[in-house]
Amino acid sequence: MGRIERLVEAYKNHIALPWQKDLAGAQRAILVVYDKTDERRLRARKELFSMATKAAGHAWKECDLTTAFTEWMAQTDYRESYFEHPEDIDT
């Protein structure tokens, strides 16, 4: 069993657990943490996560933030100065 399959199995076990009835929507968000080398494989198999979520009786809403940083940076007035002196950016 590969890393993605193990990750899906761990996700299935987690998502199948009953949720507290008084959880707010923001508390029902789940982030999947994975090795960056698995990015393409995970994206190709992300439907497995959707199916596991729906099988557990939950709704599936995907939020892909792939381009969020670049879109934000493109709209930032000071973007040029950030790239001129990247060491000045406080992480």
PDB file of N, CA and C in Angstrom:
ATOM      1  N   MET A   1       0.842  -1.174   0.000  1.00  0.00           N
ATOM      2  CA  MET A   1       0.000   0.000   0.000  1.00  0.00           C
ATOM      3  C   MET A   1       0.889   1.239   0.000  1.00  0.00           C
ATOM      4  N   GLY A   2       0.609   2.152  -0.930  1.00  0.00           N
ATOM      5  CA  GLY A   2       1.405   3.368  -1.054  1.00  0.00           C
ATOM      6  C   GLY A   2       1.022   4.426  -0.031  1.00  0.00           C
ATOM      7  N   ARG A   3       1.776   5.520  -0.049  1.00  0.00           N
ATOM      8  CA  ARG A   3       1.540   6.591   0.937  1.00  0.00           C
ATOM      9  C   ARG A   3       0.168   7.225   0.780  1.00  0.00           C
ATOM     10  N   ILE A   4      -0.276   7.435  -0.453  1.00  0.00           N
ATOM     11  CA  ILE A   4      -1.582   8.051  -0.668  1.00  0.00           C
ATOM     12  C   ILE A   4      -2.687   7.120  -0.164  1.00  0.00           C
ATOM     13  N   GLU A   5      -2.555   5.849  -0.440  1.00  0.00           N
ATOM     14  CA  GLU A   5      -3.562   4.894   0.028  1.00  0.00           C
ATOM     15  C   GLU A   5      -3.604   4.841   1.556  1.00  0.00           C
ATOM     16  N   ARG A   6      -2.431   4.903   2.195  1.00  0.00           N
ATOM     17  CA  ARG A   6      -2.391   4.923   3.670  1.00  0.00           C
ATOM     18  C   ARG A   6      -3.021   6.201   4.207  1.00  0.00           C
ATOM     19  N   LEU A   7      -2.775   7.300   3.532  1.00  0.00           N
ATOM     20  CA  LEU A   7      -3.363   8.571   3.932  1.00  0.00           C
ATOM     21  C   LEU A   7      -4.890   8.528   3.794  1.00  0.00           C
ATOM     22  N   VAL A   8      -5.373   7.963   2.708  1.00  0.00           N
ATOM     23  CA  VAL A   8      -6.822   7.824   2.507  1.00  0.00           C
ATOM     24  C   VAL A   8      -7.424   6.939   3.593  1.00  0.00           C
ATOM     25  N   GLU A   9      -6.767   5.850   3.939  1.00  0.00           N
ATOM     26  CA  GLU A   9      -7.270   4.967   4.994  1.00  0.00           C
ATOM     27  C   GLU A   9      -7.332   5.692   6.338  1.00  0.00           C
ATOM     28  N   ALA A  10      -6.293   6.457   6.664  1.00  0.00           N
ATOM     29  CA  ALA A  10      -6.297   7.229   7.912  1.00  0.00           C
ATOM     30  C   ALA A  10      -7.421   8.256   7.885  1.00  0.00           C
ATOM     31  N   TYR A  11      -7.626   8.876   6.742  1.00  0.00           N
ATOM     32  CA  TYR A  11      -8.701   9.852   6.593  1.00  0.00           C
ATOM     33  C   TYR A  11     -10.062   9.187   6.774  1.00  0.00           C
ATOM     34  N   LYS A  12     -10.245   8.024   6.148  1.00  0.00           N
ATOM     35  CA  LYS A  12     -11.515   7.288   6.295  1.00  0.00           C
ATOM     36  C   LYS A  12     -11.805   6.989   7.755  1.00  0.00           C
ATOM     37  N   ASN A  13     -10.807   6.559   8.485  1.00  0.00           N
ATOM     38  CA  ASN A  13     -10.991   6.248   9.904  1.00  0.00           C
ATOM     39  C   ASN A  13     -11.369   7.503  10.689  1.00  0.00           C
ATOM     40  N   HIS A  14     -10.765   8.621  10.349  1.00  0.00           N
ATOM     41  CA  HIS A  14     -11.044   9.870  11.058  1.00  0.00           C
ATOM     42  C   HIS A  14     -12.425  10.423  10.711  1.00  0.00           C
ATOM     43  N   ILE A  15     -12.746  10.466   9.429  1.00  0.00           N
ATOM     44  CA  ILE A  15     -13.993  11.091   8.981  1.00  0.00           C
ATOM     45  C   ILE A  15     -15.211  10.262   9.390  1.00  0.00           C
ATOM     46  N   ALA A  16     -15.004   8.975   9.646  1.00  0.00           N
ATOM     47  CA  ALA A  16     -16.117   8.107  10.046  1.00  0.00           C
ATOM     48  C   ALA A  16     -16.495   8.277  11.515  1.00  0.00           C
ATOM     49  N   LEU A  17     -15.638   8.908  12.303  1.00  0.00           N
ATOM     50  CA  LEU A  17     -15.955   9.133  13.710  1.00  0.00           C
ATOM     51  C   LEU A  17     -17.123  10.108  13.824  1.00  0.00           C
ATOM     52  N   PRO A  18     -18.006   9.896  14.797  1.00  0.00           N
ATOM     53  CA  PRO A  18     -19.127  10.838  14.949  1.00  0.00           C
ATOM     54  C   PRO A  18     -18.646  12.227  15.369  1.00  0.00           C
ATOM     55  N   TRP A  19     -19.293  13.236  14.827  1.00  0.00           N
ATOM     56  CA  TRP A  19     -18.969  14.609  15.158  1.00  0.00           C
ATOM     57  C   TRP A  19     -19.871  15.089  16.284  1.00  0.00           C
ATOM     58  N   GLN A  20     -19.345  15.976  17.091  1.00  0.00           N
ATOM     59  CA  GLN A  20     -20.166  16.585  18.120  1.00  0.00           C
ATOM     60  C   GLN A  20     -21.267  17.390  17.438  1.00  0.00           C
ATOM     61  N   LYS A  21     -22.441  17.346  17.991  1.00  0.00           N
ATOM     62  CA  LYS A  21     -23.576  18.034  17.367  1.00  0.00           C
ATOM     63  C   LYS A  21     -23.480  19.550  17.472  1.00  0.00           C
ATOM     64  N   ASP A  22     -22.731  20.054  18.431  1.00  0.00           N
ATOM     65  CA  ASP A  22     -22.662  21.500  18.636  1.00  0.00           C
ATOM     66  C   ASP A  22     -21.447  22.159  17.967  1.00  0.00           C
ATOM     67  N   LEU A  23     -20.797  21.469  17.036  1.00  0.00           N
ATOM     68  CA  LEU A  23     -19.653  22.051  16.341  1.00  0.00           C
ATOM     69  C   LEU A  23     -20.108  23.093  15.326  1.00  0.00           C
ATOM     70  N   ALA A  24     -19.411  24.194  15.291  1.00  0.00           N
ATOM     71  CA  ALA A  24     -19.661  25.211  14.262  1.00  0.00           C
ATOM     72  C   ALA A  24     -19.082  24.724  12.939  1.00  0.00           C
ATOM     73  N   GLY A  25     -19.541  25.300  11.863  1.00  0.00           N
ATOM     74  CA  GLY A  25     -19.049  24.910  10.546  1.00  0.00           C
ATOM     75  C   GLY A  25     -17.538  25.012  10.420  1.00  0.00           C
ATOM     76  N   ALA A  26     -16.970  26.079  10.988  1.00  0.00           N
ATOM     77  CA  ALA A  26     -15.518  26.273  10.919  1.00  0.00           C
ATOM     78  C   ALA A  26     -14.761  25.174  11.651  1.00  0.00           C
ATOM     79  N   GLN A  27     -15.405  24.554  12.608  1.00  0.00           N
ATOM     80  CA  GLN A  27     -14.760  23.473  13.356  1.00  0.00           C
ATOM     81  C   GLN A  27     -14.888  22.134  12.639  1.00  0.00           C
ATOM     82  N   ARG A  28     -15.568  22.112  11.533  1.00  0.00           N
ATOM     83  CA  ARG A  28     -15.754  20.876  10.765  1.00  0.00           C
ATOM     84  C   ARG A  28     -14.860  20.827   9.538  1.00  0.00           C
ATOM     85  N   ALA A  29     -13.906  21.710   9.480  1.00  0.00           N
ATOM     86  CA  ALA A  29     -12.942  21.719   8.373  1.00  0.00           C
ATOM     87  C   ALA A  29     -11.808  20.765   8.703  1.00  0.00           C
ATOM     88  N   ILE A  30     -11.389  20.007   7.730  1.00  0.00           N
ATOM     89  CA  ILE A  30     -10.308  19.040   7.918  1.00  0.00           C
ATOM     90  C   ILE A  30      -9.225  19.331   6.892  1.00  0.00           C
ATOM     91  N   LEU A  31      -8.008  19.456   7.359  1.00  0.00           N
ATOM     92  CA  LEU A  31      -6.863  19.657   6.483  1.00  0.00           C
ATOM     93  C   LEU A  31      -6.091  18.352   6.401  1.00  0.00           C
ATOM     94  N   VAL A  32      -5.693  17.983   5.227  1.00  0.00           N
ATOM     95  CA  VAL A  32      -4.897  16.784   5.027  1.00  0.00           C
ATOM     96  C   VAL A  32      -3.453  17.224   4.801  1.00  0.00           C
ATOM     97  N   VAL A  33      -2.570  16.760   5.650  1.00  0.00           N
ATOM     98  CA  VAL A  33      -1.149  17.115   5.552  1.00  0.00           C
ATOM     99  C   VAL A  33      -0.417  15.952   4.892  1.00  0.00           C
ATOM    100  N   TYR A  34       0.362  16.281   3.884  1.00  0.00           N
ATOM    101  CA  TYR A  34       1.045  15.234   3.124  1.00  0.00           C
ATOM    102  C   TYR A  34       2.411  15.735   2.683  1.00  0.00           C
ATOM    103  N   ASP A  35       3.240  14.805   2.299  1.00  0.00           N
ATOM    104  CA  ASP A  35       4.588  15.122   1.822  1.00  0.00           C
ATOM    105  C   ASP A  35       4.490  15.848   0.484  1.00  0.00           C
ATOM    106  N   LYS A  36       5.267  16.905   0.329  1.00  0.00           N
ATOM    107  CA  LYS A  36       5.186  17.700  -0.901  1.00  0.00           C
ATOM    108  C   LYS A  36       5.509  16.895  -2.151  1.00  0.00           C
ATOM    109  N   THR A  37       6.255  15.827  -2.024  1.00  0.00           N
ATOM    110  CA  THR A  37       6.577  15.001  -3.188  1.00  0.00           C
ATOM    111  C   THR A  37       5.358  14.210  -3.673  1.00  0.00           C
ATOM    112  N   ASP A  38       4.312  14.151  -2.846  1.00  0.00           N
ATOM    113  CA  ASP A  38       3.099  13.414  -3.208  1.00  0.00           C
ATOM    114  C   ASP A  38       2.010  14.293  -3.816  1.00  0.00           C
ATOM    115  N   GLU A  39       2.328  15.556  -4.068  1.00  0.00           N
ATOM    116  CA  GLU A  39       1.330  16.521  -4.547  1.00  0.00           C
ATOM    117  C   GLU A  39       0.556  16.027  -5.766  1.00  0.00           C
ATOM    118  N   ARG A  40       1.241  15.635  -6.800  1.00  0.00           N
ATOM    119  CA  ARG A  40       0.548  15.200  -8.026  1.00  0.00           C
ATOM    120  C   ARG A  40      -0.252  13.930  -7.806  1.00  0.00           C
ATOM    121  N   ARG A  41       0.320  12.985  -7.081  1.00  0.00           N
ATOM    122  CA  ARG A  41      -0.396  11.735  -6.820  1.00  0.00           C
ATOM    123  C   ARG A  41      -1.653  11.988  -5.991  1.00  0.00           C
ATOM    124  N   LEU A  42      -1.539  12.870  -5.002  1.00  0.00           N
ATOM    125  CA  LEU A  42      -2.691  13.167  -4.163  1.00  0.00           C
ATOM    126  C   LEU A  42      -3.780  13.869  -4.975  1.00  0.00           C
ATOM    127  N   ARG A  43      -3.396  14.840  -5.777  1.00  0.00           N
ATOM    128  CA  ARG A  43      -4.384  15.543  -6.599  1.00  0.00           C
ATOM    129  C   ARG A  43      -5.098  14.581  -7.554  1.00  0.00           C
ATOM    130  N   ALA A  44      -4.365  13.627  -8.076  1.00  0.00           N
ATOM    131  CA  ALA A  44      -4.963  12.652  -8.992  1.00  0.00           C
ATOM    132  C   ALA A  44      -5.933  11.715  -8.273  1.00  0.00           C
ATOM    133  N   ARG A  45      -5.778  11.562  -6.963  1.00  0.00           N
ATOM    134  CA  ARG A  45      -6.607  10.622  -6.209  1.00  0.00           C
ATOM    135  C   ARG A  45      -7.511  11.311  -5.195  1.00  0.00           C
ATOM    136  N   LYS A  46      -7.655  12.629  -5.275  1.00  0.00           N
ATOM    137  CA  LYS A  46      -8.430  13.346  -4.260  1.00  0.00           C
ATOM    138  C   LYS A  46      -9.900  12.938  -4.240  1.00  0.00           C
ATOM    139  N   GLU A  47     -10.380  12.373  -5.317  1.00  0.00           N
ATOM    140  CA  GLU A  47     -11.761  11.870  -5.335  1.00  0.00           C
ATOM    141  C   GLU A  47     -11.979  10.807  -4.261  1.00  0.00           C
ATOM    142  N   LEU A  48     -10.927  10.074  -3.901  1.00  0.00           N
ATOM    143  CA  LEU A  48     -11.044   9.074  -2.837  1.00  0.00           C
ATOM    144  C   LEU A  48     -11.407   9.732  -1.504  1.00  0.00           C
ATOM    145  N   PHE A  49     -10.894  10.926  -1.261  1.00  0.00           N
ATOM    146  CA  PHE A  49     -11.226  11.656  -0.036  1.00  0.00           C
ATOM    147  C   PHE A  49     -12.682  12.116  -0.074  1.00  0.00           C
ATOM    148  N   SER A  50     -13.111  12.592  -1.228  1.00  0.00           N
ATOM    149  CA  SER A  50     -14.499  13.007  -1.394  1.00  0.00           C
ATOM    150  C   SER A  50     -15.445  11.831  -1.162  1.00  0.00           C
ATOM    151  N   MET A  51     -15.141  10.693  -1.745  1.00  0.00           N
ATOM    152  CA  MET A  51     -15.989   9.515  -1.590  1.00  0.00           C
ATOM    153  C   MET A  51     -16.042   9.060  -0.131  1.00  0.00           C
ATOM    154  N   ALA A  52     -14.914   9.076   0.553  1.00  0.00           N
ATOM    155  CA  ALA A  52     -14.875   8.679   1.961  1.00  0.00           C
ATOM    156  C   ALA A  52     -15.706   9.629   2.815  1.00  0.00           C
ATOM    157  N   THR A  53     -15.649  10.912   2.498  1.00  0.00           N
ATOM    158  CA  THR A  53     -16.407  11.916   3.245  1.00  0.00           C
ATOM    159  C   THR A  53     -17.902  11.701   3.056  1.00  0.00           C
ATOM    160  N   LYS A  54     -18.307  11.522   1.830  1.00  0.00           N
ATOM    161  CA  LYS A  54     -19.725  11.316   1.532  1.00  0.00           C
ATOM    162  C   LYS A  54     -20.223   9.997   2.103  1.00  0.00           C
ATOM    163  N   ALA A  55     -19.387   8.954   2.059  1.00  0.00           N
ATOM    164  CA  ALA A  55     -19.768   7.654   2.625  1.00  0.00           C
ATOM    165  C   ALA A  55     -19.977   7.745   4.131  1.00  0.00           C
ATOM    166  N   ALA A  56     -19.298   8.676   4.775  1.00  0.00           N
ATOM    167  CA  ALA A  56     -19.454   8.872   6.221  1.00  0.00           C
ATOM    168  C   ALA A  56     -20.643   9.778   6.543  1.00  0.00           C
ATOM    169  N   GLY A  57     -21.364  10.235   5.506  1.00  0.00           N
ATOM    170  CA  GLY A  57     -22.556  11.042   5.713  1.00  0.00           C
ATOM    171  C   GLY A  57     -22.309  12.534   5.841  1.00  0.00           C
ATOM    172  N   HIS A  58     -21.150  12.981   5.381  1.00  0.00           N
ATOM    173  CA  HIS A  58     -20.813  14.400   5.461  1.00  0.00           C
ATOM    174  C   HIS A  58     -20.797  15.018   4.068  1.00  0.00           C
ATOM    175  N   ALA A  59     -20.943  16.327   4.028  1.00  0.00           N
ATOM    176  CA  ALA A  59     -20.842  17.046   2.755  1.00  0.00           C
ATOM    177  C   ALA A  59     -19.373  17.242   2.406  1.00  0.00           C
ATOM    178  N   TRP A  60     -19.107  17.382   1.136  1.00  0.00           N
ATOM    179  CA  TRP A  60     -17.746  17.605   0.655  1.00  0.00           C
ATOM    180  C   TRP A  60     -17.693  18.970  -0.015  1.00  0.00           C
ATOM    181  N   LYS A  61     -16.799  19.818   0.441  1.00  0.00           N
ATOM    182  CA  LYS A  61     -16.575  21.129  -0.169  1.00  0.00           C
ATOM    183  C   LYS A  61     -15.071  21.293  -0.300  1.00  0.00           C
ATOM    184  N   GLU A  62     -14.611  21.332  -1.513  1.00  0.00           N
ATOM    185  CA  GLU A  62     -13.177  21.462  -1.752  1.00  0.00           C
ATOM    186  C   GLU A  62     -12.790  22.933  -1.826  1.00  0.00           C
ATOM    187  N   CYS A  63     -11.701  23.260  -1.197  1.00  0.00           N
ATOM    188  CA  CYS A  63     -11.177  24.626  -1.206  1.00  0.00           C
ATOM    189  C   CYS A  63      -9.720  24.549  -1.638  1.00  0.00           C
ATOM    190  N   ASP A  64      -9.474  24.841  -2.888  1.00  0.00           N
ATOM    191  CA  ASP A  64      -8.129  24.753  -3.458  1.00  0.00           C
ATOM    192  C   ASP A  64      -7.456  26.126  -3.381  1.00  0.00           C
ATOM    193  N   LEU A  65      -6.408  26.226  -2.585  1.00  0.00           N
ATOM    194  CA  LEU A  65      -5.715  27.492  -2.378  1.00  0.00           C
ATOM    195  C   LEU A  65      -4.436  27.610  -3.222  1.00  0.00           C
ATOM    196  N   THR A  66      -4.333  26.798  -4.249  1.00  0.00           N
ATOM    197  CA  THR A  66      -3.128  26.742  -5.067  1.00  0.00           C
ATOM    198  C   THR A  66      -2.678  28.117  -5.559  1.00  0.00           C
ATOM    199  N   THR A  67      -3.606  28.907  -6.039  1.00  0.00           N
ATOM    200  CA  THR A  67      -3.239  30.194  -6.627  1.00  0.00           C
ATOM    201  C   THR A  67      -3.509  31.379  -5.692  1.00  0.00           C
ATOM    202  N   ALA A  68      -3.942  31.125  -4.479  1.00  0.00           N
ATOM    203  CA  ALA A  68      -4.325  32.214  -3.565  1.00  0.00           C
ATOM    204  C   ALA A  68      -3.180  33.180  -3.297  1.00  0.00           C
ATOM    205  N   PHE A  69      -1.991  32.681  -3.030  1.00  0.00           N
ATOM    206  CA  PHE A  69      -0.873  33.574  -2.728  1.00  0.00           C
ATOM    207  C   PHE A  69      -0.507  34.432  -3.934  1.00  0.00           C
ATOM    208  N   THR A  70      -0.409  33.809  -5.093  1.00  0.00           N
ATOM    209  CA  THR A  70      -0.008  34.573  -6.274  1.00  0.00           C
ATOM    210  C   THR A  70      -1.051  35.621  -6.645  1.00  0.00           C
ATOM    211  N   GLU A  71      -2.333  35.291  -6.487  1.00  0.00           N
ATOM    212  CA  GLU A  71      -3.389  36.262  -6.771  1.00  0.00           C
ATOM    213  C   GLU A  71      -3.324  37.424  -5.779  1.00  0.00           C
ATOM    214  N   TRP A  72      -3.100  37.106  -4.515  1.00  0.00           N
ATOM    215  CA  TRP A  72      -2.989  38.146  -3.493  1.00  0.00           C
ATOM    216  C   TRP A  72      -1.777  39.031  -3.773  1.00  0.00           C
ATOM    217  N   MET A  73      -0.649  38.411  -4.044  1.00  0.00           N
ATOM    218  CA  MET A  73       0.578  39.162  -4.280  1.00  0.00           C
ATOM    219  C   MET A  73       0.441  40.056  -5.512  1.00  0.00           C
ATOM    220  N   ALA A  74      -0.230  39.574  -6.540  1.00  0.00           N
ATOM    221  CA  ALA A  74      -0.400  40.365  -7.758  1.00  0.00           C
ATOM    222  C   ALA A  74      -1.213  41.627  -7.497  1.00  0.00           C
ATOM    223  N   GLN A  75      -2.067  41.598  -6.483  1.00  0.00           N
ATOM    224  CA  GLN A  75      -2.911  42.759  -6.170  1.00  0.00           C
ATOM    225  C   GLN A  75      -2.299  43.674  -5.112  1.00  0.00           C
ATOM    226  N   THR A  76      -1.176  43.278  -4.535  1.00  0.00           N
ATOM    227  CA  THR A  76      -0.545  44.045  -3.470  1.00  0.00           C
ATOM    228  C   THR A  76       0.264  45.199  -4.057  1.00  0.00           C
ATOM    229  N   ASP A  77       0.023  46.394  -3.530  1.00  0.00           N
ATOM    230  CA  ASP A  77       0.708  47.584  -4.043  1.00  0.00           C
ATOM    231  C   ASP A  77       2.227  47.509  -3.916  1.00  0.00           C
ATOM    232  N   TYR A  78       2.703  46.864  -2.889  1.00  0.00           N
ATOM    233  CA  TYR A  78       4.146  46.850  -2.613  1.00  0.00           C
ATOM    234  C   TYR A  78       4.843  45.581  -3.110  1.00  0.00           C
ATOM    235  N   ARG A  79       4.226  44.877  -4.036  1.00  0.00           N
ATOM    236  CA  ARG A  79       4.779  43.589  -4.485  1.00  0.00           C
ATOM    237  C   ARG A  79       6.195  43.708  -5.031  1.00  0.00           C
ATOM    238  N   GLU A  80       6.475  44.768  -5.780  1.00  0.00           N
ATOM    239  CA  GLU A  80       7.807  44.933  -6.363  1.00  0.00           C
ATOM    240  C   GLU A  80       8.873  45.069  -5.280  1.00  0.00           C
ATOM    241  N   SER A  81       8.571  45.829  -4.235  1.00  0.00           N
ATOM    242  CA  SER A  81       9.557  46.009  -3.161  1.00  0.00           C
ATOM    243  C   SER A  81       9.758  44.714  -2.373  1.00  0.00           C
ATOM    244  N   TYR A  82       8.720  43.892  -2.272  1.00  0.00           N
ATOM    245  CA  TYR A  82       8.889  42.595  -1.598  1.00  0.00           C
ATOM    246  C   TYR A  82       9.935  41.750  -2.323  1.00  0.00           C
ATOM    247  N   PHE A  83       9.887  41.770  -3.642  1.00  0.00           N
ATOM    248  CA  PHE A  83      10.815  40.947  -4.411  1.00  0.00           C
ATOM    249  C   PHE A  83      12.198  41.563  -4.506  1.00  0.00           C
ATOM    250  N   GLU A  84      12.291  42.880  -4.360  1.00  0.00           N
ATOM    251  CA  GLU A  84      13.600  43.528  -4.365  1.00  0.00           C
ATOM    252  C   GLU A  84      14.390  43.206  -3.100  1.00  0.00           C
ATOM    253  N   HIS A  85      13.688  43.071  -1.978  1.00  0.00           N
ATOM    254  CA  HIS A  85      14.324  42.791  -0.682  1.00  0.00           C
ATOM    255  C   HIS A  85      13.538  41.711   0.077  1.00  0.00           C
ATOM    256  N   PRO A  86      13.555  40.471  -0.403  1.00  0.00           N
ATOM    257  CA  PRO A  86      12.762  39.433   0.242  1.00  0.00           C
ATOM    258  C   PRO A  86      13.174  39.151   1.681  1.00  0.00           C
ATOM    259  N   GLU A  87      14.393  39.496   2.032  1.00  0.00           N
ATOM    260  CA  GLU A  87      14.848  39.271   3.420  1.00  0.00           C
ATOM    261  C   GLU A  87      14.093  40.168   4.405  1.00  0.00           C
ATOM    262  N   ASP A  88      13.451  41.226   3.901  1.00  0.00           N
ATOM    263  CA  ASP A  88      12.695  42.134   4.763  1.00  0.00           C
ATOM    264  C   ASP A  88      11.320  41.586   5.129  1.00  0.00           C
ATOM    265  N   ILE A  89      10.881  40.564   4.446  1.00  0.00           N
ATOM    266  CA  ILE A  89       9.566  39.986   4.725  1.00  0.00           C
ATOM    267  C   ILE A  89       9.636  39.182   6.010  1.00  0.00           C
ATOM    268  N   ASP A  90       8.818  39.559   6.959  1.00  0.00           N
ATOM    269  CA  ASP A  90       8.784  38.877   8.256  1.00  0.00           C
ATOM    270  C   ASP A  90       7.815  37.700   8.163  1.00  0.00           C
ATOM    271  N   THR A  91       8.335  36.513   8.347  1.00  0.00           N
ATOM    272  CA  THR A  91       7.470  35.333   8.279  1.00  0.00           C
ATOM    273  C   THR A  91       6.730  35.150   9.572  1.00  0.00           C
TER     274      THR A  91
END
